[in-house]
Amino acid sequence: MMRENQRMVTEKIEASIKAGLVMQKAFFSAMSGQYAPWWITSQKAMKPSSANSRRFSR
């Protein structure tokens, strides 16, 4: 059970980092003059992470 909890925490951290990177990329793109509509950015940020995909494939 402890190992499963550690795996879930690791997956949550990985998903948070990926979502943060998408938002950071969108922010820097906006600052450099490239505009992405909010719905495209939110779709990328809310897309399931590969960590979740690995867990659900078991």
N, C-alpha and C. Protein backbone atom coordinates (compact mmCIF):
# COMPACT_ATOMS: atom_id res chain seq x y z
N MET A 1 0.83 -1.20 0.00
CA MET A 1 0.00 0.00 0.00
C MET A 1 0.87 1.26 0.00
N MET A 2 1.94 1.21 0.75
CA MET A 2 2.85 2.36 0.81
C MET A 2 3.46 2.63 -0.57
N ARG A 3 3.81 1.55 -1.26
CA ARG A 3 4.41 1.70 -2.59
C ARG A 3 3.42 2.32 -3.57
N GLU A 4 2.15 1.91 -3.48
CA GLU A 4 1.11 2.47 -4.35
C GLU A 4 0.91 3.96 -4.06
N ASN A 5 0.94 4.35 -2.79
CA ASN A 5 0.83 5.76 -2.44
C ASN A 5 2.00 6.56 -2.99
N GLN A 6 3.20 6.02 -2.88
CA GLN A 6 4.38 6.71 -3.42
C GLN A 6 4.25 6.87 -4.93
N ARG A 7 3.74 5.83 -5.60
CA ARG A 7 3.57 5.90 -7.06
C ARG A 7 2.55 6.98 -7.42
N MET A 8 1.46 7.04 -6.67
CA MET A 8 0.42 8.04 -6.96
C MET A 8 0.96 9.45 -6.75
N VAL A 9 1.73 9.66 -5.69
CA VAL A 9 2.30 10.98 -5.43
C VAL A 9 3.26 11.36 -6.55
N THR A 10 4.08 10.42 -6.97
CA THR A 10 5.01 10.68 -8.07
C THR A 10 4.27 11.04 -9.35
N GLU A 11 3.18 10.33 -9.63
CA GLU A 11 2.39 10.62 -10.83
C GLU A 11 1.75 12.00 -10.75
N LYS A 12 1.27 12.38 -9.57
CA LYS A 12 0.67 13.71 -9.40
C LYS A 12 1.72 14.80 -9.61
N ILE A 13 2.91 14.60 -9.07
CA ILE A 13 3.98 15.59 -9.23
C ILE A 13 4.35 15.71 -10.71
N GLU A 14 4.48 14.56 -11.38
CA GLU A 14 4.82 14.58 -12.80
C GLU A 14 3.75 15.31 -13.62
N ALA A 15 2.49 15.04 -13.33
CA ALA A 15 1.40 15.70 -14.05
C ALA A 15 1.40 17.20 -13.78
N SER A 16 1.68 17.60 -12.54
CA SER A 16 1.72 19.02 -12.19
C SER A 16 2.85 19.73 -12.92
N ILE A 17 3.99 19.08 -13.00
CA ILE A 17 5.13 19.68 -13.69
C ILE A 17 4.81 19.86 -15.18
N LYS A 18 4.19 18.83 -15.78
CA LYS A 18 3.85 18.94 -17.21
C LYS A 18 2.85 20.06 -17.46
N ALA A 19 1.84 20.17 -16.60
CA ALA A 19 0.85 21.24 -16.75
C ALA A 19 1.51 22.60 -16.56
N GLY A 20 2.41 22.70 -15.60
CA GLY A 20 3.13 23.96 -15.37
C GLY A 20 3.98 24.35 -16.57
N LEU A 21 4.62 23.38 -17.20
CA LEU A 21 5.44 23.67 -18.37
C LEU A 21 4.59 24.16 -19.54
N VAL A 22 3.40 23.58 -19.71
CA VAL A 22 2.50 24.04 -20.77
C VAL A 22 2.10 25.49 -20.52
N MET A 23 1.75 25.81 -19.28
CA MET A 23 1.35 27.18 -18.96
C MET A 23 2.52 28.15 -19.12
N GLN A 24 3.71 27.72 -18.71
CA GLN A 24 4.89 28.58 -18.84
C GLN A 24 5.20 28.82 -20.33
N LYS A 25 5.09 27.79 -21.15
CA LYS A 25 5.33 27.94 -22.58
C LYS A 25 4.32 28.91 -23.19
N ALA A 26 3.06 28.81 -22.78
CA ALA A 26 2.04 29.72 -23.29
C ALA A 26 2.33 31.15 -22.85
N PHE A 27 2.78 31.32 -21.61
CA PHE A 27 3.09 32.66 -21.10
C PHE A 27 4.24 33.28 -21.89
N PHE A 28 5.32 32.52 -22.09
CA PHE A 28 6.46 33.06 -22.82
C PHE A 28 6.13 33.31 -24.29
N SER A 29 5.27 32.48 -24.86
CA SER A 29 4.84 32.72 -26.24
C SER A 29 4.04 34.02 -26.33
N ALA A 30 3.19 34.25 -25.34
CA ALA A 30 2.40 35.49 -25.33
C ALA A 30 3.31 36.70 -25.16
N MET A 31 4.34 36.57 -24.34
CA MET A 31 5.27 37.68 -24.12
C MET A 31 6.10 37.98 -25.36
N SER A 32 6.34 36.96 -26.19
CA SER A 32 7.14 37.19 -27.39
C SER A 32 6.28 37.60 -28.59
N GLY A 33 4.98 37.77 -28.36
CA GLY A 33 4.11 38.26 -29.41
C GLY A 33 3.31 37.19 -30.12
N GLN A 34 3.56 35.94 -29.80
CA GLN A 34 2.77 34.86 -30.39
C GLN A 34 1.57 34.63 -29.48
N TYR A 35 0.41 34.72 -30.04
CA TYR A 35 -0.80 34.62 -29.22
C TYR A 35 -1.47 33.27 -29.45
N ALA A 36 -1.77 32.57 -28.38
CA ALA A 36 -2.56 31.33 -28.47
C ALA A 36 -3.85 31.57 -27.70
N PRO A 37 -4.98 31.25 -28.30
CA PRO A 37 -6.25 31.43 -27.59
C PRO A 37 -6.29 30.62 -26.30
N TRP A 38 -7.06 31.09 -25.35
CA TRP A 38 -7.11 30.43 -24.04
C TRP A 38 -7.61 29.01 -24.13
N TRP A 39 -8.50 28.72 -25.11
CA TRP A 39 -9.05 27.37 -25.16
C TRP A 39 -8.02 26.35 -25.64
N ILE A 40 -7.06 26.79 -26.45
CA ILE A 40 -6.00 25.87 -26.88
C ILE A 40 -5.05 25.61 -25.72
N THR A 41 -4.69 26.66 -25.01
CA THR A 41 -3.79 26.50 -23.87
C THR A 41 -4.43 25.62 -22.79
N SER A 42 -5.71 25.84 -22.51
CA SER A 42 -6.35 25.05 -21.46
C SER A 42 -6.52 23.60 -21.88
N GLN A 43 -6.74 23.35 -23.18
CA GLN A 43 -6.83 21.96 -23.64
C GLN A 43 -5.51 21.24 -23.44
N LYS A 44 -4.40 21.92 -23.73
CA LYS A 44 -3.09 21.29 -23.55
C LYS A 44 -2.80 21.06 -22.08
N ALA A 45 -3.17 22.00 -21.23
CA ALA A 45 -2.88 21.87 -19.81
C ALA A 45 -3.75 20.80 -19.16
N MET A 46 -4.96 20.61 -19.65
CA MET A 46 -5.88 19.66 -19.03
C MET A 46 -5.80 18.26 -19.64
N LYS A 47 -4.96 18.09 -20.66
CA LYS A 47 -4.82 16.78 -21.29
C LYS A 47 -4.25 15.79 -20.27
N PRO A 48 -4.75 14.55 -20.23
CA PRO A 48 -4.23 13.58 -19.26
C PRO A 48 -2.73 13.38 -19.44
N SER A 49 -2.04 13.25 -18.34
CA SER A 49 -0.59 13.09 -18.40
C SER A 49 -0.23 11.66 -18.79
N SER A 50 1.00 11.48 -19.20
CA SER A 50 1.46 10.14 -19.54
C SER A 50 1.53 9.26 -18.30
N ALA A 51 1.71 9.86 -17.12
CA ALA A 51 1.72 9.08 -15.87
C ALA A 51 0.36 8.43 -15.66
N ASN A 52 -0.71 9.18 -15.88
CA ASN A 52 -2.04 8.60 -15.74
C ASN A 52 -2.28 7.53 -16.79
N SER A 53 -1.81 7.76 -18.00
CA SER A 53 -2.00 6.77 -19.06
C SER A 53 -1.31 5.46 -18.71
N ARG A 54 -0.10 5.56 -18.14
CA ARG A 54 0.61 4.34 -17.75
C ARG A 54 -0.15 3.59 -16.66
N ARG A 55 -0.68 4.33 -15.69
CA ARG A 55 -1.39 3.68 -14.58
C ARG A 55 -2.67 3.03 -15.07
N PHE A 56 -3.41 3.69 -15.96
CA PHE A 56 -4.67 3.14 -16.44
C PHE A 56 -4.47 1.98 -17.41
N SER A 57 -3.30 1.87 -18.01
CA SER A 57 -3.07 0.80 -18.97
C SER A 57 -2.80 -0.54 -18.28
N ARG A 58 -2.57 -0.52 -16.97
CA ARG A 58 -2.31 -1.78 -16.25
C ARG A 58 -3.56 -2.56 -16.03
